[in-house]
């Protein structure tokens, strides 16, 4: 697909924290439960370090900080089992997801996705999302692409499945620094989502319950974490991406490519 001499864009969405599972809670719950059984107590904040990476690498990074990286292969099967149990109860679409997808569909913009989850995990997540009205055009997992974030492998595989050129104008939207790194590795435009995912790390009810002073502090920190990851744009929620996408589309039509940020 093209728009004049410029390849028409594809939007590549993350899953947990961006389109489903407000607060990105399933991985945190599974990690804390499994590591507690192995005598390692971690906070929610510690569980969120490395979020967005393939789950085995996420686990390895946490264990390494505790001097237990060599136990990754032993513990990972238990993490996988725990996470498979957490996924469906946490698979509710984040408010606004179906409206945003409908907005993209009206503009005939392809929608695909990348994730830190495995294909086995997505066999639970994708049908749950479909029952709620969200079905992307393509889903790629790290095990299918041969590598996960921060590499661009999943994005390249997405473009192949969509039948788009490797030079298509890609817009990657996600809630973690790993999402932003993935997009940057692919030369994509990147949009960080600050308040529904890992950056804030709260369920919708907990977010709504924040007192004004804590709300201001935590919201500012969440936004800052994605700016620090060098996202081209940072929004609070997926729905706010609409205005940003219009700006990006105008820049693409003018011949701009995603700026390389330092």
C-alpha atoms as a PDB file:
ATOM      1  CA  UNK A   1       0.000   0.000   0.000  1.00  0.00           C
ATOM      2  CA  UNK A   2       1.313   3.469  -0.731  1.00  0.00           C
ATOM      3  CA  UNK A   3       0.348   7.095  -0.499  1.00  0.00           C
ATOM      4  CA  UNK A   4       1.898   8.890  -3.446  1.00  0.00           C
ATOM      5  CA  UNK A   5       5.588   8.077  -3.405  1.00  0.00           C
ATOM      6  CA  UNK A   6       5.481   7.217   0.299  1.00  0.00           C
ATOM      7  CA  UNK A   7       4.628   3.776   1.585  1.00  0.00           C
ATOM      8  CA  UNK A   8       1.392   3.881   3.530  1.00  0.00           C
ATOM      9  CA  UNK A   9       1.869   3.308   7.261  1.00  0.00           C
ATOM     10  CA  UNK A  10       1.135   0.313   9.390  1.00  0.00           C
ATOM     11  CA  UNK A  11       0.387   0.664  13.089  1.00  0.00           C
ATOM     12  CA  UNK A  12       1.949  -1.993  15.294  1.00  0.00           C
ATOM     13  CA  UNK A  13       0.435  -2.231  18.761  1.00  0.00           C
ATOM     14  CA  UNK A  14       1.702  -3.833  21.928  1.00  0.00           C
ATOM     15  CA  UNK A  15      -0.644  -5.985  23.984  1.00  0.00           C
ATOM     16  CA  UNK A  16      -0.496  -5.920  27.816  1.00  0.00           C
ATOM     17  CA  UNK A  17      -0.637  -2.365  29.088  1.00  0.00           C
ATOM     18  CA  UNK A  18      -1.482  -0.905  25.692  1.00  0.00           C
ATOM     19  CA  UNK A  19      -4.574  -2.707  24.394  1.00  0.00           C
ATOM     20  CA  UNK A  20      -5.358  -5.208  27.194  1.00  0.00           C
ATOM     21  CA  UNK A  21      -4.669  -5.634  30.919  1.00  0.00           C
ATOM     22  CA  UNK A  22      -4.790  -2.085  32.256  1.00  0.00           C
ATOM     23  CA  UNK A  23      -1.686  -1.667  34.389  1.00  0.00           C
ATOM     24  CA  UNK A  24       0.095  -4.658  32.813  1.00  0.00           C
ATOM     25  CA  UNK A  25      -0.690  -6.749  35.883  1.00  0.00           C
ATOM     26  CA  UNK A  26      -0.575 -10.366  34.684  1.00  0.00           C
ATOM     27  CA  UNK A  27       3.229 -10.626  34.328  1.00  0.00           C
ATOM     28  CA  UNK A  28       3.789  -8.882  37.650  1.00  0.00           C
ATOM     29  CA  UNK A  29       1.472 -11.237  39.519  1.00  0.00           C
ATOM     30  CA  UNK A  30       3.029 -14.331  37.939  1.00  0.00           C
ATOM     31  CA  UNK A  31       6.614 -13.203  38.531  1.00  0.00           C
ATOM     32  CA  UNK A  32       6.073 -12.296  42.161  1.00  0.00           C
ATOM     33  CA  UNK A  33       4.229 -15.538  42.887  1.00  0.00           C
ATOM     34  CA  UNK A  34       6.805 -17.820  41.285  1.00  0.00           C
ATOM     35  CA  UNK A  35       9.841 -16.046  42.703  1.00  0.00           C
ATOM     36  CA  UNK A  36       8.303 -16.008  46.175  1.00  0.00           C
ATOM     37  CA  UNK A  37       8.050 -19.796  45.938  1.00  0.00           C
ATOM     38  CA  UNK A  38      11.804 -19.806  45.266  1.00  0.00           C
ATOM     39  CA  UNK A  39      12.555 -17.633  48.280  1.00  0.00           C
ATOM     40  CA  UNK A  40      12.980 -14.392  46.328  1.00  0.00           C
ATOM     41  CA  UNK A  41      10.723 -11.521  47.327  1.00  0.00           C
ATOM     42  CA  UNK A  42      10.432  -8.792  44.717  1.00  0.00           C
ATOM     43  CA  UNK A  43       8.344  -5.637  44.659  1.00  0.00           C
ATOM     44  CA  UNK A  44       5.953  -4.772  41.868  1.00  0.00           C
ATOM     45  CA  UNK A  45       8.461  -2.158  40.730  1.00  0.00           C
ATOM     46  CA  UNK A  46      11.231  -4.774  40.549  1.00  0.00           C
ATOM     47  CA  UNK A  47       8.935  -7.128  38.620  1.00  0.00           C
ATOM     48  CA  UNK A  48       8.390  -4.375  36.060  1.00  0.00           C
ATOM     49  CA  UNK A  49      12.077  -3.975  35.244  1.00  0.00           C
ATOM     50  CA  UNK A  50      12.569  -5.404  31.771  1.00  0.00           C
ATOM     51  CA  UNK A  51       8.842  -5.537  31.026  1.00  0.00           C
ATOM     52  CA  UNK A  52       8.198  -5.925  27.312  1.00  0.00           C
ATOM     53  CA  UNK A  53      11.139  -8.257  26.758  1.00  0.00           C
ATOM     54  CA  UNK A  54      10.516 -11.925  25.943  1.00  0.00           C
ATOM     55  CA  UNK A  55       9.341 -13.451  29.206  1.00  0.00           C
ATOM     56  CA  UNK A  56      12.358 -15.717  29.675  1.00  0.00           C
ATOM     57  CA  UNK A  57      14.720 -12.772  29.229  1.00  0.00           C
ATOM     58  CA  UNK A  58      12.564 -10.695  31.562  1.00  0.00           C
ATOM     59  CA  UNK A  59      12.911 -13.400  34.213  1.00  0.00           C
ATOM     60  CA  UNK A  60      16.636 -13.775  33.585  1.00  0.00           C
ATOM     61  CA  UNK A  61      17.207 -10.060  34.104  1.00  0.00           C
ATOM     62  CA  UNK A  62      15.408 -10.068  37.446  1.00  0.00           C
ATOM     63  CA  UNK A  63      17.176 -13.198  38.663  1.00  0.00           C
ATOM     64  CA  UNK A  64      20.547 -11.789  37.635  1.00  0.00           C
ATOM     65  CA  UNK A  65      20.023  -8.770  39.910  1.00  0.00           C
ATOM     66  CA  UNK A  66      19.639 -11.258  42.769  1.00  0.00           C
ATOM     67  CA  UNK A  67      22.703 -13.256  41.718  1.00  0.00           C
ATOM     68  CA  UNK A  68      20.522 -16.144  40.574  1.00  0.00           C
ATOM     69  CA  UNK A  69      20.616 -15.835  36.807  1.00  0.00           C
ATOM     70  CA  UNK A  70      21.774 -19.449  36.478  1.00  0.00           C
ATOM     71  CA  UNK A  71      18.376 -20.586  37.813  1.00  0.00           C
ATOM     72  CA  UNK A  72      16.488 -19.119  34.838  1.00  0.00           C
ATOM     73  CA  UNK A  73      16.045 -22.409  32.955  1.00  0.00           C
ATOM     74  CA  UNK A  74      14.819 -24.115  36.117  1.00  0.00           C
ATOM     75  CA  UNK A  75      12.304 -21.426  37.085  1.00  0.00           C
ATOM     76  CA  UNK A  76      11.009 -20.366  33.672  1.00  0.00           C
ATOM     77  CA  UNK A  77       8.637 -23.345  33.102  1.00  0.00           C
ATOM     78  CA  UNK A  78       6.944 -22.479  36.389  1.00  0.00           C
ATOM     79  CA  UNK A  79       6.672 -18.842  35.377  1.00  0.00           C
ATOM     80  CA  UNK A  80       5.122 -19.862  32.082  1.00  0.00           C
ATOM     81  CA  UNK A  81       2.533 -22.018  33.878  1.00  0.00           C
ATOM     82  CA  UNK A  82       1.708 -19.233  36.339  1.00  0.00           C
ATOM     83  CA  UNK A  83       1.383 -16.677  33.575  1.00  0.00           C
ATOM     84  CA  UNK A  84      -0.878 -18.902  31.500  1.00  0.00           C
ATOM     85  CA  UNK A  85      -3.235 -18.944  34.484  1.00  0.00           C
ATOM     86  CA  UNK A  86      -3.119 -15.162  34.866  1.00  0.00           C
ATOM     87  CA  UNK A  87      -3.682 -14.209  31.238  1.00  0.00           C
ATOM     88  CA  UNK A  88      -7.393 -14.696  30.644  1.00  0.00           C
ATOM     89  CA  UNK A  89      -8.549 -13.077  33.916  1.00  0.00           C
ATOM     90  CA  UNK A  90      -6.395 -10.070  33.008  1.00  0.00           C
ATOM     91  CA  UNK A  91      -7.303  -9.905  29.313  1.00  0.00           C
ATOM     92  CA  UNK A  92      -9.981  -7.209  29.455  1.00  0.00           C
ATOM     93  CA  UNK A  93      -9.519  -4.609  26.742  1.00  0.00           C
ATOM     94  CA  UNK A  94      -8.329  -1.244  27.953  1.00  0.00           C
ATOM     95  CA  UNK A  95     -11.023   1.402  27.563  1.00  0.00           C
ATOM     96  CA  UNK A  96     -10.874   3.022  24.143  1.00  0.00           C
ATOM     97  CA  UNK A  97      -9.097   0.169  22.347  1.00  0.00           C
ATOM     98  CA  UNK A  98     -11.987  -0.777  20.079  1.00  0.00           C
ATOM     99  CA  UNK A  99     -12.705   2.894  19.293  1.00  0.00           C
ATOM    100  CA  UNK A 100      -9.073   3.455  18.354  1.00  0.00           C
ATOM    101  CA  UNK A 101      -9.012   0.342  16.175  1.00  0.00           C
ATOM    102  CA  UNK A 102     -12.226   1.473  14.454  1.00  0.00           C
ATOM    103  CA  UNK A 103     -10.585   4.864  13.817  1.00  0.00           C
ATOM    104  CA  UNK A 104      -7.649   3.098  12.130  1.00  0.00           C
ATOM    105  CA  UNK A 105      -9.974   0.837  10.135  1.00  0.00           C
ATOM    106  CA  UNK A 106     -11.854   3.829   8.738  1.00  0.00           C
ATOM    107  CA  UNK A 107      -8.545   5.091   7.405  1.00  0.00           C
ATOM    108  CA  UNK A 108      -7.616   1.664   6.028  1.00  0.00           C
ATOM    109  CA  UNK A 109      -4.446   1.564   8.104  1.00  0.00           C
ATOM    110  CA  UNK A 110      -3.219  -2.003   8.722  1.00  0.00           C
ATOM    111  CA  UNK A 111      -3.051  -3.017  12.379  1.00  0.00           C
ATOM    112  CA  UNK A 112      -0.618  -5.606  13.647  1.00  0.00           C
ATOM    113  CA  UNK A 113       1.036  -6.417  16.946  1.00  0.00           C
ATOM    114  CA  UNK A 114       4.147  -7.491  18.790  1.00  0.00           C
ATOM    115  CA  UNK A 115       4.480  -8.758  22.335  1.00  0.00           C
ATOM    116  CA  UNK A 116       6.746 -10.206  24.974  1.00  0.00           C
ATOM    117  CA  UNK A 117       4.359 -13.161  25.267  1.00  0.00           C
ATOM    118  CA  UNK A 118       5.002 -16.479  23.543  1.00  0.00           C
ATOM    119  CA  UNK A 119       2.746 -17.954  20.858  1.00  0.00           C
ATOM    120  CA  UNK A 120       1.345 -20.333  23.491  1.00  0.00           C
ATOM    121  CA  UNK A 121       0.397 -17.387  25.669  1.00  0.00           C
ATOM    122  CA  UNK A 122      -1.152 -15.554  22.743  1.00  0.00           C
ATOM    123  CA  UNK A 123      -3.381 -18.570  22.093  1.00  0.00           C
ATOM    124  CA  UNK A 124      -5.143 -17.442  25.265  1.00  0.00           C
ATOM    125  CA  UNK A 125      -4.863 -13.676  24.872  1.00  0.00           C
ATOM    126  CA  UNK A 126      -5.844 -13.304  21.211  1.00  0.00           C
ATOM    127  CA  UNK A 127      -9.172 -15.223  21.440  1.00  0.00           C
ATOM    128  CA  UNK A 128     -10.051 -13.316  24.623  1.00  0.00           C
ATOM    129  CA  UNK A 129      -9.434 -10.024  22.819  1.00  0.00           C
ATOM    130  CA  UNK A 130     -11.389 -11.214  19.782  1.00  0.00           C
ATOM    131  CA  UNK A 131     -14.419 -11.956  21.944  1.00  0.00           C
ATOM    132  CA  UNK A 132     -14.304  -8.296  22.992  1.00  0.00           C
ATOM    133  CA  UNK A 133     -14.025  -7.015  19.423  1.00  0.00           C
ATOM    134  CA  UNK A 134     -10.295  -6.589  18.880  1.00  0.00           C
ATOM    135  CA  UNK A 135      -8.672  -8.636  16.096  1.00  0.00           C
ATOM    136  CA  UNK A 136      -5.435  -7.240  14.609  1.00  0.00           C
ATOM    137  CA  UNK A 137      -4.420  -8.136  11.076  1.00  0.00           C
ATOM    138  CA  UNK A 138      -1.275  -9.899  12.301  1.00  0.00           C
ATOM    139  CA  UNK A 139       0.183 -11.108  15.596  1.00  0.00           C
ATOM    140  CA  UNK A 140       3.873 -11.911  15.945  1.00  0.00           C
ATOM    141  CA  UNK A 141       5.585 -13.356  19.010  1.00  0.00           C
ATOM    142  CA  UNK A 142       9.312 -13.611  19.789  1.00  0.00           C
ATOM    143  CA  UNK A 143       9.412 -17.375  19.229  1.00  0.00           C
ATOM    144  CA  UNK A 144       7.810 -16.942  15.793  1.00  0.00           C
ATOM    145  CA  UNK A 145      10.166 -14.134  14.737  1.00  0.00           C
ATOM    146  CA  UNK A 146      13.316 -15.754  16.114  1.00  0.00           C
ATOM    147  CA  UNK A 147      13.995 -12.825  18.452  1.00  0.00           C
ATOM    148  CA  UNK A 148      12.085 -10.436  20.661  1.00  0.00           C
ATOM    149  CA  UNK A 149      12.543  -6.898  21.798  1.00  0.00           C
ATOM    150  CA  UNK A 150      14.636  -4.813  21.618  1.00  0.00           C
ATOM    151  CA  UNK A 151      15.384  -6.231  18.148  1.00  0.00           C
ATOM    152  CA  UNK A 152      13.260  -5.325  15.131  1.00  0.00           C
ATOM    153  CA  UNK A 153      12.636  -8.989  14.208  1.00  0.00           C
ATOM    154  CA  UNK A 154       8.949  -9.010  15.163  1.00  0.00           C
ATOM    155  CA  UNK A 155       8.266  -5.793  13.268  1.00  0.00           C
ATOM    156  CA  UNK A 156       9.966  -7.158  10.137  1.00  0.00           C
ATOM    157  CA  UNK A 157       7.883 -10.349  10.401  1.00  0.00           C
ATOM    158  CA  UNK A 158       4.725  -8.266  10.825  1.00  0.00           C
ATOM    159  CA  UNK A 159       5.449  -6.369   7.616  1.00  0.00           C
ATOM    160  CA  UNK A 160       5.947  -9.640   5.761  1.00  0.00           C
ATOM    161  CA  UNK A 161       2.613 -10.960   7.014  1.00  0.00           C
ATOM    162  CA  UNK A 162       0.874  -7.737   6.060  1.00  0.00           C
ATOM    163  CA  UNK A 163       2.426  -7.878   2.593  1.00  0.00           C
ATOM    164  CA  UNK A 164       4.119  -4.515   3.089  1.00  0.00           C
ATOM    165  CA  UNK A 165       7.541  -3.368   1.993  1.00  0.00           C
ATOM    166  CA  UNK A 166      10.362  -3.390   4.507  1.00  0.00           C
ATOM    167  CA  UNK A 167      10.429   0.364   3.888  1.00  0.00           C
ATOM    168  CA  UNK A 168       6.807   0.896   4.922  1.00  0.00           C
ATOM    169  CA  UNK A 169       6.230   3.770   7.321  1.00  0.00           C
ATOM    170  CA  UNK A 170       5.782   1.928  10.619  1.00  0.00           C
ATOM    171  CA  UNK A 171       4.272   3.464  13.737  1.00  0.00           C
ATOM    172  CA  UNK A 172       4.958   1.436  16.873  1.00  0.00           C
ATOM    173  CA  UNK A 173       2.794   2.064  19.942  1.00  0.00           C
ATOM    174  CA  UNK A 174       3.570   0.542  23.333  1.00  0.00           C
ATOM    175  CA  UNK A 175       3.903   1.181  27.049  1.00  0.00           C
ATOM    176  CA  UNK A 176       7.479   0.094  27.832  1.00  0.00           C
ATOM    177  CA  UNK A 177      11.014   1.223  26.999  1.00  0.00           C
ATOM    178  CA  UNK A 178      11.411  -2.157  25.270  1.00  0.00           C
ATOM    179  CA  UNK A 179       8.555  -1.223  22.906  1.00  0.00           C
ATOM    180  CA  UNK A 180      10.265   2.048  22.098  1.00  0.00           C
ATOM    181  CA  UNK A 181      13.628   0.330  21.558  1.00  0.00           C
ATOM    182  CA  UNK A 182      11.965  -2.170  19.212  1.00  0.00           C
ATOM    183  CA  UNK A 183      10.412   0.608  17.166  1.00  0.00           C
ATOM    184  CA  UNK A 184      13.634   2.577  17.004  1.00  0.00           C
ATOM    185  CA  UNK A 185      15.539  -0.524  15.882  1.00  0.00           C
ATOM    186  CA  UNK A 186      13.097  -0.808  12.975  1.00  0.00           C
ATOM    187  CA  UNK A 187      13.351   2.874  12.074  1.00  0.00           C
ATOM    188  CA  UNK A 188       9.717   3.309  13.106  1.00  0.00           C
ATOM    189  CA  UNK A 189       7.887   6.255  14.543  1.00  0.00           C
ATOM    190  CA  UNK A 190       7.309   5.475  18.227  1.00  0.00           C
ATOM    191  CA  UNK A 191       4.492   6.454  20.564  1.00  0.00           C
ATOM    192  CA  UNK A 192       4.736   5.644  24.262  1.00  0.00           C
ATOM    193  CA  UNK A 193       1.516   5.094  26.235  1.00  0.00           C
ATOM    194  CA  UNK A 194       2.089   6.319  29.775  1.00  0.00           C
ATOM    195  CA  UNK A 195      -0.950   5.796  31.976  1.00  0.00           C
ATOM    196  CA  UNK A 196      -2.524   2.435  31.107  1.00  0.00           C
ATOM    197  CA  UNK A 197       0.519   0.194  31.268  1.00  0.00           C
ATOM    198  CA  UNK A 198       3.857  -0.551  32.819  1.00  0.00           C
ATOM    199  CA  UNK A 199       5.000   3.058  33.164  1.00  0.00           C
ATOM    200  CA  UNK A 200       2.281   3.783  35.756  1.00  0.00           C
ATOM    201  CA  UNK A 201       1.588   0.170  36.696  1.00  0.00           C
ATOM    202  CA  UNK A 202      -1.888   0.547  38.159  1.00  0.00           C
ATOM    203  CA  UNK A 203      -5.272  -0.980  37.424  1.00  0.00           C
ATOM    204  CA  UNK A 204      -7.935   1.456  36.272  1.00  0.00           C
ATOM    205  CA  UNK A 205      -9.655   1.572  39.682  1.00  0.00           C
ATOM    206  CA  UNK A 206      -6.355   2.206  41.466  1.00  0.00           C
ATOM    207  CA  UNK A 207      -5.500   4.959  38.995  1.00  0.00           C
ATOM    208  CA  UNK A 208      -8.852   6.637  39.567  1.00  0.00           C
ATOM    209  CA  UNK A 209      -8.374   6.396  43.354  1.00  0.00           C
ATOM    210  CA  UNK A 210      -5.092   8.344  43.434  1.00  0.00           C
ATOM    211  CA  UNK A 211      -5.229  11.550  45.450  1.00  0.00           C
ATOM    212  CA  UNK A 212      -4.385  14.645  43.385  1.00  0.00           C
ATOM    213  CA  UNK A 213      -0.840  15.133  44.682  1.00  0.00           C
ATOM    214  CA  UNK A 214       0.133  11.498  44.169  1.00  0.00           C
ATOM    215  CA  UNK A 215      -1.630  11.458  40.808  1.00  0.00           C
ATOM    216  CA  UNK A 216       0.405  14.412  39.573  1.00  0.00           C
ATOM    217  CA  UNK A 217       3.692  12.938  40.787  1.00  0.00           C
ATOM    218  CA  UNK A 218       3.111   9.470  39.398  1.00  0.00           C
ATOM    219  CA  UNK A 219       1.683  10.649  36.080  1.00  0.00           C
ATOM    220  CA  UNK A 220       4.676  12.931  35.546  1.00  0.00           C
ATOM    221  CA  UNK A 221       7.102  10.098  36.336  1.00  0.00           C
ATOM    222  CA  UNK A 222       5.314   7.698  33.998  1.00  0.00           C
ATOM    223  CA  UNK A 223       5.460  10.140  31.106  1.00  0.00           C
ATOM    224  CA  UNK A 224       9.091  10.971  31.857  1.00  0.00           C
ATOM    225  CA  UNK A 225      10.116   7.303  31.748  1.00  0.00           C
ATOM    226  CA  UNK A 226       8.945   7.004  28.140  1.00  0.00           C
ATOM    227  CA  UNK A 227      10.471  10.307  27.125  1.00  0.00           C
ATOM    228  CA  UNK A 228      13.725   9.023  28.649  1.00  0.00           C
ATOM    229  CA  UNK A 229      13.403   5.925  26.444  1.00  0.00           C
ATOM    230  CA  UNK A 230      13.431   8.290  23.450  1.00  0.00           C
ATOM    231  CA  UNK A 231       9.852   7.840  22.290  1.00  0.00           C
ATOM    232  CA  UNK A 232       9.066  10.276  19.490  1.00  0.00           C
ATOM    233  CA  UNK A 233       5.740  11.034  21.167  1.00  0.00           C
ATOM    234  CA  UNK A 234       4.238  10.205  24.563  1.00  0.00           C
ATOM    235  CA  UNK A 235       0.485  10.048  25.181  1.00  0.00           C
ATOM    236  CA  UNK A 236      -1.510   9.152  28.262  1.00  0.00           C
ATOM    237  CA  UNK A 237      -3.859   6.649  26.603  1.00  0.00           C
ATOM    238  CA  UNK A 238      -4.207   4.859  23.301  1.00  0.00           C
ATOM    239  CA  UNK A 239      -7.088   7.115  22.249  1.00  0.00           C
ATOM    240  CA  UNK A 240      -4.797  10.138  22.478  1.00  0.00           C
ATOM    241  CA  UNK A 241      -2.688   8.543  19.745  1.00  0.00           C
ATOM    242  CA  UNK A 242      -5.259   9.649  17.154  1.00  0.00           C
ATOM    243  CA  UNK A 243      -4.089  13.267  17.166  1.00  0.00           C
ATOM    244  CA  UNK A 244      -0.449  12.165  17.140  1.00  0.00           C
ATOM    245  CA  UNK A 245      -1.064   9.812  14.234  1.00  0.00           C
ATOM    246  CA  UNK A 246      -2.601  12.631  12.206  1.00  0.00           C
ATOM    247  CA  UNK A 247       0.558  14.637  12.802  1.00  0.00           C
ATOM    248  CA  UNK A 248       2.776  11.688  11.844  1.00  0.00           C
ATOM    249  CA  UNK A 249       0.730  11.010   8.700  1.00  0.00           C
ATOM    250  CA  UNK A 250       1.148  14.635   7.664  1.00  0.00           C
ATOM    251  CA  UNK A 251       4.889  14.354   8.232  1.00  0.00           C
ATOM    252  CA  UNK A 252       5.040  11.133   6.208  1.00  0.00           C
ATOM    253  CA  UNK A 253       3.168  12.764   3.340  1.00  0.00           C
ATOM    254  CA  UNK A 254       5.698  15.610   3.496  1.00  0.00           C
ATOM    255  CA  UNK A 255       8.495  13.057   3.074  1.00  0.00           C
ATOM    256  CA  UNK A 256       9.687  12.880   6.683  1.00  0.00           C
ATOM    257  CA  UNK A 257      11.101   9.707   8.167  1.00  0.00           C
ATOM    258  CA  UNK A 258      11.195   8.890  11.860  1.00  0.00           C
ATOM    259  CA  UNK A 259      13.847  11.102  13.465  1.00  0.00           C
ATOM    260  CA  UNK A 260      16.828   9.406  15.077  1.00  0.00           C
ATOM    261  CA  UNK A 261      16.764  10.601  18.666  1.00  0.00           C
ATOM    262  CA  UNK A 262      19.824  10.628  20.909  1.00  0.00           C
END
